[in-house]
Amino acid sequence: MRRYWKVEHTIVLFVIIGIALLLMPFSLTNTRQANFISKWNERYNKADYMFQVIRTHITDDIIKSFENAKDSDERTKLMLQLIKPYLRVNTGKSVPRQYRPKYMNKARPFKGQLYYFDEFYFTENNGIVGIKDIETSISDNNPDFMLMFDINGLLPPNRWGKDIFGINIYHDGKIEPLGYGMSMDELKKDCSHTGTGVSCSYYYKIGGGFEE
């Protein structure tokens, strides 16, 4: 009798271990994603505070330098100089060319597309930022710059909505997470394995859940 009990006990134990092993990757992935989202919320709050400080201390000369900049590259360099001390941007260390962010659906942004960045920079804690001038007109209603944050730098997955998030920077210094203004249905569709993941930046800020 005891022998049969041991066999049954062993079978049950193996079943439990098997189920645990099956669930473990899912559980670890969820935990990892939750950690990315938490870090993104922290990063966004710091960026919001950063631009509040910049707005307070910006001078007429700085404003004129942006207005008189001859092209997009010059405006981008001016913005980089503004944010450099706050984000501890390291312009002396190059991000490897092999670093190429992907969308959540694993497609890549191509040169000329809105979410393609020409230059990336290391920041504190080995994070990576990309900055891009997207100004189309001098208006508070249109963003002037886009700032991309890769929360864990060179480490994978290097995908929008996973460890990459972003903000728009407006003419008056206000910021908004990418995806702001989209409907909930649009956010859910884009912040999924079939979407770009770009709008996850806003979706997670308003408490949206993530899918695997």
N, C-alpha and C. Protein backbone atom coordinates (compact mmCIF):
# COMPACT_ATOMS: atom_id res chain seq x y z
N MET A 1 0.83 -1.20 0.00
CA MET A 1 0.00 0.00 0.00
C MET A 1 0.86 1.25 0.00
N ARG A 2 1.87 1.24 0.88
CA ARG A 2 2.76 2.39 0.96
C ARG A 2 3.49 2.58 -0.36
N ARG A 3 3.82 1.46 -1.01
CA ARG A 3 4.54 1.54 -2.29
C ARG A 3 3.69 2.28 -3.33
N TYR A 4 2.38 1.92 -3.39
CA TYR A 4 1.49 2.59 -4.35
C TYR A 4 1.34 4.08 -4.01
N TRP A 5 1.29 4.36 -2.72
CA TRP A 5 1.16 5.76 -2.29
C TRP A 5 2.36 6.57 -2.74
N LYS A 6 3.54 5.99 -2.64
CA LYS A 6 4.76 6.69 -3.06
C LYS A 6 4.75 6.94 -4.57
N VAL A 7 4.27 5.96 -5.34
CA VAL A 7 4.20 6.13 -6.79
C VAL A 7 3.25 7.26 -7.15
N GLU A 8 2.06 7.26 -6.52
CA GLU A 8 1.07 8.31 -6.79
C GLU A 8 1.61 9.68 -6.37
N HIS A 9 2.26 9.69 -5.23
CA HIS A 9 2.82 10.95 -4.72
C HIS A 9 3.88 11.48 -5.69
N THR A 10 4.70 10.58 -6.20
CA THR A 10 5.74 10.97 -7.15
C THR A 10 5.15 11.51 -8.44
N ILE A 11 4.09 10.86 -8.93
CA ILE A 11 3.44 11.31 -10.17
C ILE A 11 2.86 12.72 -9.98
N VAL A 12 2.18 12.93 -8.85
CA VAL A 12 1.59 14.25 -8.57
C VAL A 12 2.69 15.31 -8.50
N LEU A 13 3.81 14.95 -7.88
CA LEU A 13 4.93 15.89 -7.75
C LEU A 13 5.48 16.27 -9.11
N PHE A 14 5.62 15.27 -9.99
CA PHE A 14 6.13 15.54 -11.34
C PHE A 14 5.17 16.43 -12.12
N VAL A 15 3.87 16.21 -11.94
CA VAL A 15 2.86 17.03 -12.63
C VAL A 15 2.96 18.48 -12.17
N ILE A 16 3.10 18.67 -10.87
CA ILE A 16 3.22 20.03 -10.31
C ILE A 16 4.47 20.72 -10.85
N ILE A 17 5.58 19.99 -10.86
CA ILE A 17 6.84 20.56 -11.36
C ILE A 17 6.70 20.91 -12.84
N GLY A 18 6.03 20.02 -13.62
CA GLY A 18 5.84 20.27 -15.05
C GLY A 18 5.03 21.52 -15.30
N ILE A 19 3.95 21.68 -14.54
CA ILE A 19 3.11 22.88 -14.69
C ILE A 19 3.89 24.14 -14.32
N ALA A 20 4.67 24.04 -13.25
CA ALA A 20 5.47 25.18 -12.81
C ALA A 20 6.48 25.59 -13.88
N LEU A 21 7.11 24.59 -14.52
CA LEU A 21 8.08 24.88 -15.57
C LEU A 21 7.42 25.51 -16.79
N LEU A 22 6.21 25.09 -17.08
CA LEU A 22 5.47 25.67 -18.21
C LEU A 22 5.08 27.11 -17.94
N LEU A 23 4.70 27.39 -16.71
CA LEU A 23 4.25 28.74 -16.34
C LEU A 23 5.41 29.69 -16.08
N MET A 24 6.58 29.15 -15.76
CA MET A 24 7.70 30.00 -15.36
C MET A 24 8.10 31.02 -16.41
N PRO A 25 8.28 30.64 -17.70
CA PRO A 25 8.66 31.64 -18.70
C PRO A 25 7.65 32.77 -18.80
N PHE A 26 6.35 32.43 -18.74
CA PHE A 26 5.30 33.45 -18.80
C PHE A 26 5.39 34.37 -17.60
N SER A 27 5.59 33.77 -16.42
CA SER A 27 5.67 34.55 -15.20
C SER A 27 6.89 35.47 -15.21
N LEU A 28 8.03 34.94 -15.66
CA LEU A 28 9.25 35.74 -15.71
C LEU A 28 9.11 36.87 -16.71
N THR A 29 8.47 36.60 -17.85
CA THR A 29 8.27 37.63 -18.86
C THR A 29 7.38 38.74 -18.32
N ASN A 30 6.30 38.36 -17.63
CA ASN A 30 5.40 39.36 -17.06
C ASN A 30 6.11 40.22 -16.02
N THR A 31 6.92 39.57 -15.19
CA THR A 31 7.66 40.30 -14.16
C THR A 31 8.63 41.27 -14.80
N ARG A 32 9.31 40.83 -15.84
CA ARG A 32 10.27 41.67 -16.54
C ARG A 32 9.59 42.88 -17.17
N GLN A 33 8.43 42.62 -17.83
CA GLN A 33 7.70 43.71 -18.47
C GLN A 33 7.18 44.70 -17.43
N ALA A 34 6.69 44.20 -16.32
CA ALA A 34 6.22 45.07 -15.25
C ALA A 34 7.34 45.95 -14.74
N ASN A 35 8.55 45.40 -14.69
CA ASN A 35 9.71 46.17 -14.26
C ASN A 35 10.04 47.28 -15.26
N PHE A 36 9.94 46.96 -16.57
CA PHE A 36 10.17 47.98 -17.60
C PHE A 36 9.16 49.11 -17.49
N ILE A 37 7.89 48.74 -17.27
CA ILE A 37 6.84 49.75 -17.17
C ILE A 37 7.06 50.65 -15.96
N SER A 38 7.45 50.05 -14.85
CA SER A 38 7.74 50.82 -13.65
C SER A 38 8.88 51.81 -13.89
N LYS A 39 9.94 51.34 -14.56
CA LYS A 39 11.07 52.21 -14.85
C LYS A 39 10.69 53.31 -15.84
N TRP A 40 9.79 52.97 -16.80
CA TRP A 40 9.33 53.98 -17.74
C TRP A 40 8.56 55.08 -17.01
N ASN A 41 7.71 54.71 -16.09
CA ASN A 41 6.97 55.71 -15.32
C ASN A 41 7.92 56.63 -14.55
N GLU A 42 8.96 56.04 -13.98
CA GLU A 42 9.96 56.84 -13.27
C GLU A 42 10.68 57.77 -14.23
N ARG A 43 11.06 57.25 -15.40
CA ARG A 43 11.77 58.05 -16.40
C ARG A 43 10.91 59.20 -16.90
N TYR A 44 9.63 58.92 -17.13
CA TYR A 44 8.74 59.97 -17.61
C TYR A 44 8.60 61.09 -16.58
N ASN A 45 8.43 60.71 -15.32
CA ASN A 45 8.30 61.71 -14.26
C ASN A 45 9.55 62.58 -14.15
N LYS A 46 10.71 61.96 -14.32
CA LYS A 46 11.96 62.72 -14.30
C LYS A 46 12.05 63.66 -15.49
N ALA A 47 11.62 63.17 -16.66
CA ALA A 47 11.65 64.00 -17.86
C ALA A 47 10.69 65.18 -17.73
N ASP A 48 9.53 64.94 -17.16
CA ASP A 48 8.56 66.01 -16.95
C ASP A 48 9.14 67.08 -16.03
N TYR A 49 9.77 66.64 -14.95
CA TYR A 49 10.39 67.59 -14.01
C TYR A 49 11.53 68.33 -14.70
N MET A 50 12.31 67.61 -15.50
CA MET A 50 13.43 68.21 -16.22
C MET A 50 12.98 69.38 -17.08
N PHE A 51 11.90 69.19 -17.83
CA PHE A 51 11.44 70.25 -18.71
C PHE A 51 10.75 71.38 -17.95
N GLN A 52 10.20 71.09 -16.78
CA GLN A 52 9.69 72.16 -15.94
C GLN A 52 10.83 73.07 -15.50
N VAL A 53 11.96 72.47 -15.12
CA VAL A 53 13.13 73.25 -14.71
C VAL A 53 13.69 74.03 -15.90
N ILE A 54 13.77 73.39 -17.06
CA ILE A 54 14.30 74.05 -18.26
C ILE A 54 13.43 75.26 -18.61
N ARG A 55 12.10 75.10 -18.55
CA ARG A 55 11.20 76.22 -18.85
C ARG A 55 11.43 77.38 -17.91
N THR A 56 11.71 77.06 -16.64
CA THR A 56 11.91 78.10 -15.63
C THR A 56 13.20 78.89 -15.87
N HIS A 57 14.24 78.21 -16.36
CA HIS A 57 15.56 78.84 -16.47
C HIS A 57 15.95 79.21 -17.90
N ILE A 58 15.09 78.95 -18.86
CA ILE A 58 15.45 79.25 -20.24
C ILE A 58 15.54 80.77 -20.44
N THR A 59 16.48 81.18 -21.25
CA THR A 59 16.72 82.61 -21.48
C THR A 59 16.27 83.00 -22.89
N ASP A 60 16.16 84.32 -23.10
CA ASP A 60 15.78 84.82 -24.42
C ASP A 60 16.82 84.44 -25.47
N ASP A 61 18.09 84.40 -25.06
CA ASP A 61 19.16 84.05 -26.00
C ASP A 61 19.00 82.60 -26.48
N ILE A 62 18.63 81.72 -25.58
CA ILE A 62 18.45 80.31 -25.95
C ILE A 62 17.27 80.19 -26.91
N ILE A 63 16.19 80.89 -26.60
CA ILE A 63 15.01 80.85 -27.47
C ILE A 63 15.36 81.37 -28.87
N LYS A 64 16.11 82.47 -28.92
CA LYS A 64 16.51 83.03 -30.21
C LYS A 64 17.42 82.08 -30.98
N SER A 65 18.27 81.35 -30.26
CA SER A 65 19.18 80.42 -30.94
C SER A 65 18.40 79.30 -31.62
N PHE A 66 17.30 78.86 -31.01
CA PHE A 66 16.44 77.86 -31.65
C PHE A 66 15.74 78.46 -32.86
N GLU A 67 15.24 79.68 -32.71
CA GLU A 67 14.51 80.33 -33.81
C GLU A 67 15.42 80.62 -34.99
N ASN A 68 16.71 80.89 -34.71
CA ASN A 68 17.65 81.25 -35.77
C ASN A 68 18.45 80.06 -36.31
N ALA A 69 18.21 78.88 -35.74
CA ALA A 69 18.95 77.69 -36.20
C ALA A 69 18.69 77.47 -37.69
N LYS A 70 19.74 77.16 -38.42
CA LYS A 70 19.62 77.08 -39.88
C LYS A 70 18.97 75.79 -40.37
N ASP A 71 19.04 74.73 -39.56
CA ASP A 71 18.45 73.47 -40.01
C ASP A 71 18.11 72.56 -38.84
N SER A 72 17.59 71.40 -39.17
CA SER A 72 17.16 70.43 -38.17
C SER A 72 18.32 69.94 -37.30
N ASP A 73 19.47 69.71 -37.93
CA ASP A 73 20.63 69.22 -37.17
C ASP A 73 21.06 70.22 -36.11
N GLU A 74 21.02 71.50 -36.45
CA GLU A 74 21.44 72.52 -35.49
C GLU A 74 20.44 72.60 -34.33
N ARG A 75 19.16 72.52 -34.63
CA ARG A 75 18.15 72.54 -33.56
C ARG A 75 18.30 71.33 -32.65
N THR A 76 18.59 70.17 -33.24
CA THR A 76 18.76 68.95 -32.45
C THR A 76 19.96 69.08 -31.51
N LYS A 77 21.05 69.66 -32.01
CA LYS A 77 22.24 69.85 -31.17
C LYS A 77 21.96 70.81 -30.02
N LEU A 78 21.16 71.84 -30.29
CA LEU A 78 20.80 72.79 -29.23
C LEU A 78 19.96 72.11 -28.15
N MET A 79 19.00 71.28 -28.57
CA MET A 79 18.18 70.57 -27.61
C MET A 79 19.02 69.56 -26.82
N LEU A 80 19.95 68.92 -27.49
CA LEU A 80 20.84 67.97 -26.82
C LEU A 80 21.63 68.66 -25.72
N GLN A 81 22.11 69.86 -26.00
CA GLN A 81 22.87 70.61 -25.00
C GLN A 81 22.00 70.97 -23.80
N LEU A 82 20.72 71.23 -24.05
CA LEU A 82 19.82 71.58 -22.95
C LEU A 82 19.58 70.40 -22.01
N ILE A 83 19.37 69.22 -22.58
CA ILE A 83 19.00 68.06 -21.76
C ILE A 83 20.22 67.29 -21.25
N LYS A 84 21.36 67.56 -21.83
CA LYS A 84 22.58 66.78 -21.51
C LYS A 84 22.88 66.71 -20.02
N PRO A 85 22.90 67.83 -19.28
CA PRO A 85 23.25 67.71 -17.86
C PRO A 85 22.20 67.01 -17.01
N TYR A 86 20.94 67.07 -17.43
CA TYR A 86 19.86 66.46 -16.65
C TYR A 86 19.82 64.95 -16.84
N LEU A 87 20.05 64.51 -18.07
CA LEU A 87 20.02 63.07 -18.36
C LEU A 87 21.41 62.44 -18.30
N ARG A 88 22.41 63.28 -18.06
CA ARG A 88 23.80 62.82 -18.04
C ARG A 88 24.16 62.11 -19.34
N VAL A 89 23.84 62.80 -20.43
CA VAL A 89 24.12 62.25 -21.75
C VAL A 89 25.63 62.21 -21.99
N ASN A 90 26.11 61.05 -22.42
CA ASN A 90 27.54 60.87 -22.68
C ASN A 90 27.78 60.96 -24.19
N THR A 91 28.21 62.13 -24.66
CA THR A 91 28.45 62.31 -26.09
C THR A 91 29.84 61.83 -26.50
N GLY A 92 30.65 61.40 -25.53
CA GLY A 92 32.00 60.94 -25.83
C GLY A 92 32.09 59.45 -26.07
N LYS A 93 31.00 58.73 -25.84
CA LYS A 93 30.98 57.29 -26.03
C LYS A 93 29.91 56.93 -27.06
N SER A 94 30.31 56.32 -28.14
CA SER A 94 29.39 56.04 -29.23
C SER A 94 28.57 54.77 -28.97
N VAL A 95 27.30 54.84 -29.33
CA VAL A 95 26.44 53.65 -29.29
C VAL A 95 26.76 52.81 -30.53
N PRO A 96 27.03 51.51 -30.38
CA PRO A 96 27.38 50.67 -31.54
C PRO A 96 26.35 50.75 -32.65
N ARG A 97 26.82 50.70 -33.88
CA ARG A 97 25.93 50.77 -35.03
C ARG A 97 24.99 49.57 -35.11
N GLN A 98 25.38 48.49 -34.46
CA GLN A 98 24.53 47.29 -34.46
C GLN A 98 23.23 47.52 -33.69
N TYR A 99 23.21 48.57 -32.87
CA TYR A 99 22.01 48.87 -32.08
C TYR A 99 20.94 49.42 -33.02
N ARG A 100 19.88 48.65 -33.22
CA ARG A 100 18.79 49.05 -34.11
C ARG A 100 17.45 48.68 -33.48
N PRO A 101 16.75 49.65 -32.91
CA PRO A 101 15.46 49.35 -32.27
C PRO A 101 14.44 48.77 -33.25
N LYS A 102 13.54 47.97 -32.70
CA LYS A 102 12.45 47.39 -33.49
C LYS A 102 11.11 47.83 -32.90
N TYR A 103 10.06 47.68 -33.71
CA TYR A 103 8.72 47.85 -33.21
C TYR A 103 8.33 46.61 -32.41
N MET A 104 7.21 46.68 -31.73
CA MET A 104 6.75 45.54 -30.95
C MET A 104 6.46 44.33 -31.84
N ASN A 105 6.02 44.59 -33.08
CA ASN A 105 5.74 43.49 -34.01
C ASN A 105 7.00 42.97 -34.71
N LYS A 106 8.17 43.44 -34.25
CA LYS A 106 9.50 43.02 -34.70
C LYS A 106 9.93 43.63 -36.04
N ALA A 107 9.09 44.47 -36.64
CA ALA A 107 9.52 45.21 -37.83
C ALA A 107 10.48 46.32 -37.39
N ARG A 108 11.27 46.83 -38.34
CA ARG A 108 12.22 47.90 -38.03
C ARG A 108 11.79 49.22 -38.66
N PRO A 109 11.98 50.33 -37.94
CA PRO A 109 11.79 51.63 -38.59
C PRO A 109 12.90 51.85 -39.61
N PHE A 110 12.56 52.43 -40.76
CA PHE A 110 13.56 52.70 -41.78
C PHE A 110 13.83 54.20 -41.88
N LYS A 111 15.00 54.54 -42.38
CA LYS A 111 15.41 55.92 -42.51
C LYS A 111 14.35 56.71 -43.27
N GLY A 112 14.01 57.87 -42.73
CA GLY A 112 12.98 58.70 -43.34
C GLY A 112 11.63 58.55 -42.67
N GLN A 113 11.45 57.47 -41.91
CA GLN A 113 10.20 57.27 -41.18
C GLN A 113 10.23 58.04 -39.86
N LEU A 114 9.05 58.33 -39.33
CA LEU A 114 8.94 59.17 -38.14
C LEU A 114 9.72 58.63 -36.95
N TYR A 115 9.70 57.31 -36.75
CA TYR A 115 10.32 56.75 -35.56
C TYR A 115 11.72 56.19 -35.81
N TYR A 116 12.33 56.65 -36.88
CA TYR A 116 13.73 56.31 -37.15
C TYR A 116 14.61 57.43 -36.59
N PHE A 117 15.63 57.05 -35.80
CA PHE A 117 16.55 58.02 -35.21
C PHE A 117 17.94 57.83 -35.81
N ASP A 118 18.55 58.95 -36.19
CA ASP A 118 19.90 58.88 -36.77
C ASP A 118 20.98 58.68 -35.73
N GLU A 119 20.79 59.27 -34.55
CA GLU A 119 21.83 59.24 -33.52
C GLU A 119 21.25 58.76 -32.19
N PHE A 120 22.07 58.00 -31.48
CA PHE A 120 21.72 57.55 -30.14
C PHE A 120 22.86 57.90 -29.19
N TYR A 121 22.51 58.06 -27.90
CA TYR A 121 23.51 58.45 -26.91
C TYR A 121 23.30 57.66 -25.62
N PHE A 122 24.41 57.32 -24.97
CA PHE A 122 24.32 56.67 -23.67
C PHE A 122 23.98 57.72 -22.61
N THR A 123 23.22 57.28 -21.61
CA THR A 123 22.89 58.14 -20.48
C THR A 123 23.27 57.42 -19.19
N GLU A 124 22.82 57.97 -18.07
CA GLU A 124 23.12 57.34 -16.78
C GLU A 124 22.57 55.92 -16.73
N ASN A 125 23.25 55.07 -15.97
CA ASN A 125 22.85 53.67 -15.79
C ASN A 125 22.82 52.89 -17.10
N ASN A 126 23.64 53.32 -18.06
CA ASN A 126 23.78 52.63 -19.36
C ASN A 126 22.50 52.63 -20.18
N GLY A 127 21.59 53.57 -19.90
CA GLY A 127 20.42 53.72 -20.74
C GLY A 127 20.82 54.37 -22.06
N ILE A 128 19.88 54.40 -23.00
CA ILE A 128 20.13 55.01 -24.31
C ILE A 128 18.99 55.97 -24.63
N VAL A 129 19.33 57.12 -25.20
CA VAL A 129 18.31 58.05 -25.68
C VAL A 129 18.57 58.37 -27.14
N GLY A 130 17.49 58.65 -27.84
CA GLY A 130 17.56 59.17 -29.20
C GLY A 130 16.78 60.46 -29.23
N ILE A 131 17.27 61.45 -29.97
CA ILE A 131 16.57 62.73 -30.07
C ILE A 131 16.39 63.09 -31.53
N LYS A 132 15.22 63.66 -31.83
CA LYS A 132 14.91 63.94 -33.23
C LYS A 132 14.08 65.21 -33.34
N ASP A 133 14.46 66.08 -34.26
CA ASP A 133 13.69 67.28 -34.54
C ASP A 133 12.56 66.91 -35.49
N ILE A 134 11.31 67.14 -35.06
CA ILE A 134 10.17 66.82 -35.91
C ILE A 134 9.31 68.06 -36.14
N GLU A 135 9.91 69.24 -35.94
CA GLU A 135 9.17 70.48 -36.07
C GLU A 135 8.64 70.65 -37.50
N THR A 136 7.35 70.94 -37.60
CA THR A 136 6.75 71.21 -38.90
C THR A 136 6.29 72.66 -39.01
N SER A 137 6.00 73.29 -37.85
CA SER A 137 5.63 74.70 -37.82
C SER A 137 5.79 75.22 -36.40
N ILE A 138 5.98 76.53 -36.27
CA ILE A 138 6.12 77.13 -34.94
C ILE A 138 4.73 77.26 -34.33
N SER A 139 4.35 76.26 -33.57
CA SER A 139 3.02 76.24 -32.96
C SER A 139 3.05 75.40 -31.71
N ASP A 140 2.34 75.87 -30.68
CA ASP A 140 2.28 75.11 -29.44
C ASP A 140 1.49 73.82 -29.61
N ASN A 141 0.74 73.69 -30.70
CA ASN A 141 -0.08 72.52 -30.91
C ASN A 141 0.68 71.36 -31.55
N ASN A 142 1.83 71.65 -32.11
CA ASN A 142 2.61 70.62 -32.79
C ASN A 142 3.92 70.37 -32.05
N PRO A 143 4.32 69.12 -31.88
CA PRO A 143 5.59 68.85 -31.20
C PRO A 143 6.78 69.31 -32.03
N ASP A 144 7.82 69.77 -31.33
CA ASP A 144 9.06 70.20 -31.99
C ASP A 144 10.09 69.09 -32.04
N PHE A 145 10.13 68.28 -30.96
CA PHE A 145 11.13 67.23 -30.86
C PHE A 145 10.50 65.94 -30.33
N MET A 146 11.18 64.84 -30.63
CA MET A 146 10.81 63.55 -30.07
C MET A 146 12.03 63.00 -29.33
N LEU A 147 11.78 62.48 -28.14
CA LEU A 147 12.86 61.92 -27.34
C LEU A 147 12.53 60.47 -27.04
N MET A 148 13.45 59.58 -27.37
CA MET A 148 13.27 58.14 -27.19
C MET A 148 14.14 57.65 -26.04
N PHE A 149 13.59 56.78 -25.20
CA PHE A 149 14.33 56.21 -24.06
C PHE A 149 14.36 54.69 -24.19
N ASP A 150 15.54 54.10 -24.22
CA ASP A 150 15.67 52.66 -24.09
C ASP A 150 16.08 52.40 -22.64
N ILE A 151 15.16 51.87 -21.87
CA ILE A 151 15.32 51.76 -20.42
C ILE A 151 16.56 50.98 -20.01
N ASN A 152 16.85 49.88 -20.72
CA ASN A 152 18.00 49.06 -20.32
C ASN A 152 19.11 49.05 -21.37
N GLY A 153 19.16 50.09 -22.18
CA GLY A 153 20.28 50.28 -23.09
C GLY A 153 20.46 49.19 -24.13
N LEU A 154 21.68 48.69 -24.26
CA LEU A 154 22.00 47.70 -25.29
C LEU A 154 21.36 46.34 -25.06
N LEU A 155 20.96 46.07 -23.83
CA LEU A 155 20.37 44.77 -23.52
C LEU A 155 19.04 44.61 -24.25
N PRO A 156 18.71 43.38 -24.69
CA PRO A 156 17.45 43.15 -25.39
C PRO A 156 16.26 43.35 -24.44
N PRO A 157 15.06 43.54 -25.00
CA PRO A 157 14.68 43.26 -26.39
C PRO A 157 14.86 44.42 -27.37
N ASN A 158 15.14 45.65 -26.88
CA ASN A 158 15.30 46.81 -27.76
C ASN A 158 14.10 47.00 -28.67
N ARG A 159 12.92 46.95 -28.08
CA ARG A 159 11.68 47.07 -28.86
C ARG A 159 10.74 48.09 -28.23
N TRP A 160 10.10 48.87 -29.11
CA TRP A 160 9.10 49.84 -28.66
C TRP A 160 8.00 49.11 -27.89
N GLY A 161 7.62 49.69 -26.76
CA GLY A 161 6.56 49.11 -25.95
C GLY A 161 7.03 48.03 -25.01
N LYS A 162 8.28 47.59 -25.19
CA LYS A 162 8.88 46.61 -24.29
C LYS A 162 9.83 47.34 -23.34
N ASP A 163 11.01 47.73 -23.88
CA ASP A 163 11.95 48.51 -23.08
C ASP A 163 12.23 49.88 -23.70
N ILE A 164 11.53 50.21 -24.80
CA ILE A 164 11.70 51.51 -25.45
C ILE A 164 10.39 52.29 -25.40
N PHE A 165 10.50 53.55 -24.96
CA PHE A 165 9.35 54.44 -24.85
C PHE A 165 9.77 55.83 -25.30
N GLY A 166 8.79 56.73 -25.43
CA GLY A 166 9.17 58.05 -25.92
C GLY A 166 8.19 59.15 -25.57
N ILE A 167 8.65 60.39 -25.79
CA ILE A 167 7.83 61.57 -25.52
C ILE A 167 7.93 62.54 -26.70
N ASN A 168 6.91 63.36 -26.84
CA ASN A 168 6.95 64.52 -27.72
C ASN A 168 7.24 65.76 -26.88
N ILE A 169 8.05 66.66 -27.41
CA ILE A 169 8.38 67.91 -26.73
C ILE A 169 7.80 69.04 -27.56
N TYR A 170 7.01 69.89 -26.91
CA TYR A 170 6.31 70.96 -27.62
C TYR A 170 7.06 72.29 -27.52
N HIS A 171 6.59 73.24 -28.33
CA HIS A 171 7.24 74.55 -28.45
C HIS A 171 7.32 75.28 -27.11
N ASP A 172 6.31 75.06 -26.26
CA ASP A 172 6.29 75.75 -24.97
C ASP A 172 7.01 74.97 -23.87
N GLY A 173 7.65 73.86 -24.23
CA GLY A 173 8.39 73.06 -23.26
C GLY A 173 7.56 71.96 -22.61
N LYS A 174 6.29 71.89 -22.96
CA LYS A 174 5.43 70.82 -22.41
C LYS A 174 5.80 69.50 -23.08
N ILE A 175 5.61 68.39 -22.36
CA ILE A 175 5.86 67.07 -22.95
C ILE A 175 4.61 66.20 -22.83
N GLU A 176 4.52 65.23 -23.72
CA GLU A 176 3.45 64.25 -23.68
C GLU A 176 4.03 62.90 -24.11
N PRO A 177 3.59 61.79 -23.50
CA PRO A 177 4.06 60.47 -23.95
C PRO A 177 3.52 60.17 -25.34
N LEU A 178 4.28 59.46 -26.15
CA LEU A 178 3.83 59.07 -27.48
C LEU A 178 2.55 58.25 -27.37
N GLY A 179 1.60 58.57 -28.22
CA GLY A 179 0.30 57.90 -28.16
C GLY A 179 -0.76 58.77 -27.51
N TYR A 180 -0.35 59.89 -26.91
CA TYR A 180 -1.30 60.78 -26.26
C TYR A 180 -2.33 61.28 -27.27
N GLY A 181 -3.61 61.23 -26.89
CA GLY A 181 -4.67 61.68 -27.76
C GLY A 181 -5.34 60.57 -28.55
N MET A 182 -4.73 59.38 -28.58
CA MET A 182 -5.34 58.25 -29.27
C MET A 182 -6.47 57.67 -28.43
N SER A 183 -7.44 57.06 -29.09
CA SER A 183 -8.53 56.41 -28.37
C SER A 183 -8.03 55.13 -27.70
N MET A 184 -8.81 54.63 -26.74
CA MET A 184 -8.41 53.41 -26.04
C MET A 184 -8.31 52.23 -27.00
N ASP A 185 -9.23 52.14 -27.94
CA ASP A 185 -9.18 51.05 -28.92
C ASP A 185 -7.92 51.13 -29.77
N GLU A 186 -7.54 52.35 -30.17
CA GLU A 186 -6.33 52.54 -30.97
C GLU A 186 -5.09 52.18 -30.16
N LEU A 187 -5.10 52.56 -28.90
CA LEU A 187 -3.97 52.26 -28.02
C LEU A 187 -3.80 50.76 -27.84
N LYS A 188 -4.90 50.07 -27.58
CA LYS A 188 -4.84 48.61 -27.38
C LYS A 188 -4.34 47.90 -28.63
N LYS A 189 -4.78 48.37 -29.79
CA LYS A 189 -4.38 47.74 -31.04
C LYS A 189 -2.89 47.95 -31.30
N ASP A 190 -2.40 49.17 -31.05
CA ASP A 190 -0.99 49.46 -31.33
C ASP A 190 -0.08 48.87 -30.26
N CYS A 191 -0.56 48.85 -29.02
CA CYS A 191 0.26 48.32 -27.93
C CYS A 191 0.00 46.83 -27.78
N SER A 192 0.28 46.08 -28.85
CA SER A 192 0.10 44.63 -28.87
C SER A 192 1.15 44.02 -29.78
N HIS A 193 1.22 42.71 -29.81
CA HIS A 193 2.26 42.03 -30.59
C HIS A 193 2.09 42.24 -32.10
N THR A 194 0.94 42.78 -32.52
CA THR A 194 0.73 43.05 -33.95
C THR A 194 0.94 44.52 -34.29
N GLY A 195 1.15 45.36 -33.27
CA GLY A 195 1.29 46.80 -33.48
C GLY A 195 2.73 47.26 -33.38
N THR A 196 2.92 48.57 -33.46
CA THR A 196 4.28 49.12 -33.36
C THR A 196 4.77 49.18 -31.92
N GLY A 197 3.85 49.34 -30.98
CA GLY A 197 4.24 49.47 -29.57
C GLY A 197 4.60 50.89 -29.18
N VAL A 198 4.62 51.81 -30.14
CA VAL A 198 5.02 53.19 -29.85
C VAL A 198 4.05 53.83 -28.86
N SER A 199 2.76 53.59 -29.04
CA SER A 199 1.76 54.23 -28.19
C SER A 199 1.69 53.63 -26.79
N CYS A 200 2.44 52.55 -26.55
CA CYS A 200 2.51 51.99 -25.19
C CYS A 200 3.02 53.04 -24.20
N SER A 201 3.78 54.00 -24.71
CA SER A 201 4.33 55.05 -23.86
C SER A 201 3.21 55.77 -23.11
N TYR A 202 2.09 55.99 -23.79
CA TYR A 202 0.93 56.63 -23.15
C TYR A 202 0.00 55.59 -22.52
N TYR A 203 -0.17 54.48 -23.22
CA TYR A 203 -1.09 53.44 -22.77
C TYR A 203 -0.74 52.96 -21.36
N TYR A 204 0.54 52.74 -21.09
CA TYR A 204 0.95 52.28 -19.77
C TYR A 204 0.84 53.39 -18.72
N LYS A 205 0.95 54.64 -19.17
CA LYS A 205 0.84 55.76 -18.23
C LYS A 205 -0.57 55.88 -17.68
N ILE A 206 -1.57 55.43 -18.46
CA ILE A 206 -2.95 55.54 -17.99
C ILE A 206 -3.46 54.20 -17.45
N GLY A 207 -2.53 53.28 -17.18
CA GLY A 207 -2.89 52.03 -16.52
C GLY A 207 -3.23 50.89 -17.44
N GLY A 208 -2.92 51.00 -18.72
CA GLY A 208 -3.19 49.93 -19.66
C GLY A 208 -2.38 48.68 -19.34
N GLY A 209 -2.94 47.51 -19.64
CA GLY A 209 -2.24 46.25 -19.39
C GLY A 209 -1.43 45.85 -20.61
N PHE A 210 -0.50 44.93 -20.43
CA PHE A 210 0.32 44.48 -21.53
C PHE A 210 -0.02 43.06 -21.92
N GLU A 211 0.22 42.74 -23.19
CA GLU A 211 -0.10 41.42 -23.70
C GLU A 211 1.17 40.74 -24.17
N GLU A 212 1.18 39.42 -24.09
CA GLU A 212 2.32 38.64 -24.61
C GLU A 212 1.84 37.80 -25.76
